[in-house]
Amino acid sequence: MPATLHYIHGPTYSVAEVTALAFVEDAEPLLRELAEQTRQHRDRRLLINLIDVVGTFGHDEQQAIGLLAYRYLSHLERVASLVPEEKITRVSESAARARGMELRVFTVFSKAVGWLAA
């Protein structure tokens, strides 16, 4: 199953819907595309919906994804990542935030939107 990205530009925040198998090799091209989209639309806040990512990442892979998020999305004011409750570890969040990026991982859509809109 190839990774797919559906990007929706919004007035307060934009939404990226990701459907993929959990392969770290797919993360960088997706993040690169998100960087291009957010810059093109001059977005400042982004919700990345990862609910439809099938499988899990190990600790080292999650850390690598957090660093890639910083590399490609640190131009944004806030990035919220939405994951299923059983997959939350905050490893990618910690890696990105350690570099100064405002990235937070959520399991509830309304909480992610509330944080982005604040």
Protein backbone atom coordinates (compact mmCIF):
# COMPACT_ATOMS: atom_id res chain seq x y z
CA MET A 1 0.00 0.00 0.00
CA PRO A 2 1.66 3.24 -1.09
CA ALA A 3 1.52 6.21 1.26
CA THR A 4 -1.04 8.85 0.35
CA LEU A 5 -1.36 12.43 1.53
CA HIS A 6 -4.51 14.50 1.29
CA TYR A 7 -3.89 18.18 2.15
CA ILE A 8 -6.69 20.58 3.05
CA HIS A 9 -5.81 24.25 3.44
CA GLY A 10 -7.91 26.07 6.02
CA PRO A 11 -8.15 29.62 7.36
CA THR A 12 -6.97 28.86 10.92
CA TYR A 13 -5.06 25.64 10.37
CA SER A 14 -4.57 23.12 7.60
CA VAL A 15 -5.09 19.37 7.76
CA ALA A 16 -2.93 16.61 6.31
CA GLU A 17 -4.60 13.19 6.15
CA VAL A 18 -2.01 10.41 5.86
CA THR A 19 -2.84 6.85 4.85
CA ALA A 20 0.12 4.47 4.84
CA LEU A 21 1.84 1.46 6.25
CA ALA A 22 4.22 2.33 9.09
CA PHE A 23 7.52 2.51 7.20
CA VAL A 24 10.01 5.16 8.25
CA GLU A 25 11.14 5.40 4.59
CA ASP A 26 7.76 6.95 3.75
CA ALA A 27 8.04 9.65 6.43
CA GLU A 28 10.63 11.89 4.77
CA PRO A 29 8.89 12.22 1.38
CA LEU A 30 5.59 12.94 3.15
CA LEU A 31 7.17 15.56 5.41
CA ARG A 32 8.94 17.13 2.44
CA GLU A 33 5.58 17.40 0.64
CA LEU A 34 3.99 18.93 3.74
CA ALA A 35 6.78 21.50 3.89
CA GLU A 36 6.10 22.45 0.28
CA GLN A 37 2.33 22.64 0.79
CA THR A 38 2.52 24.70 3.98
CA ARG A 39 4.98 27.13 2.44
CA GLN A 40 2.95 27.43 -0.76
CA HIS A 41 -0.22 28.24 1.20
CA ARG A 42 1.65 30.28 3.83
CA ASP A 43 0.18 28.13 6.57
CA ARG A 44 1.26 28.65 10.17
CA ARG A 45 -0.53 25.75 11.88
CA LEU A 46 -1.01 22.15 10.79
CA LEU A 47 -2.90 19.08 11.96
CA ILE A 48 -1.40 15.81 10.73
CA ASN A 49 -3.95 13.02 11.01
CA LEU A 50 -2.10 9.71 11.37
CA ILE A 51 -5.09 7.63 12.47
CA ASP A 52 -5.01 5.65 9.19
CA VAL A 53 -1.33 4.68 9.42
CA VAL A 54 -1.26 0.89 9.75
CA GLY A 55 1.38 -0.62 12.05
CA THR A 56 3.75 0.87 14.58
CA PHE A 57 7.18 2.45 14.70
CA GLY A 58 9.92 1.48 17.12
CA HIS A 59 11.49 3.97 19.53
CA ASP A 60 14.43 4.83 17.24
CA GLU A 61 12.13 5.25 14.24
CA GLN A 62 9.81 7.54 16.21
CA GLN A 63 12.77 9.63 17.30
CA ALA A 64 13.97 9.86 13.68
CA ILE A 65 10.50 10.98 12.59
CA GLY A 66 10.50 13.71 15.26
CA LEU A 67 13.83 14.98 13.95
CA LEU A 68 12.53 14.88 10.37
CA ALA A 69 9.44 16.81 11.47
CA TYR A 70 11.75 19.46 12.91
CA ARG A 71 13.81 19.51 9.72
CA TYR A 72 10.84 20.02 7.41
CA LEU A 73 8.14 21.69 9.52
CA SER A 74 9.94 23.94 12.00
CA HIS A 75 8.81 26.98 9.98
CA LEU A 76 5.31 26.41 11.37
CA GLU A 77 4.05 27.98 14.62
CA ARG A 78 2.31 24.78 15.75
CA VAL A 79 1.98 21.22 14.51
CA ALA A 80 -0.51 18.79 16.04
CA SER A 81 -0.23 15.10 15.30
CA LEU A 82 -3.29 12.88 15.78
CA VAL A 83 -2.69 9.19 16.56
CA PRO A 84 -4.77 6.32 17.98
CA GLU A 85 -4.62 6.15 21.77
CA GLU A 86 -2.89 2.77 21.74
CA LYS A 87 -0.01 4.18 19.69
CA ILE A 88 0.85 7.30 21.68
CA THR A 89 4.41 7.36 23.04
CA ARG A 90 5.42 11.04 22.64
CA VAL A 91 8.90 10.02 21.42
CA SER A 92 8.61 12.01 18.17
CA GLU A 93 7.08 14.91 20.09
CA SER A 94 9.98 14.95 22.55
CA ALA A 95 12.58 14.82 19.78
CA ALA A 96 11.00 17.75 17.92
CA ARG A 97 10.33 19.82 21.04
CA ALA A 98 13.92 19.32 22.22
CA ARG A 99 14.93 21.27 19.09
CA GLY A 100 12.42 24.04 19.84
CA MET A 101 9.56 22.95 17.60
CA GLU A 102 5.96 23.35 18.79
CA LEU A 103 4.79 19.83 17.99
CA ARG A 104 2.31 17.97 20.16
CA VAL A 105 0.75 14.55 19.77
CA PHE A 106 -2.94 14.06 20.54
CA THR A 107 -5.38 11.16 20.58
CA VAL A 108 -8.54 13.30 20.53
CA PHE A 109 -9.33 15.42 17.46
CA SER A 110 -11.10 18.20 19.39
CA LYS A 111 -8.14 18.63 21.75
CA ALA A 112 -5.72 18.87 18.81
CA VAL A 113 -7.92 21.48 17.13
CA GLY A 114 -8.31 23.39 20.40
CA TRP A 115 -4.55 23.59 20.85
CA LEU A 116 -4.02 24.67 17.24
CA ALA A 117 -6.69 27.36 17.48
CA ALA A 118 -5.44 28.76 20.82
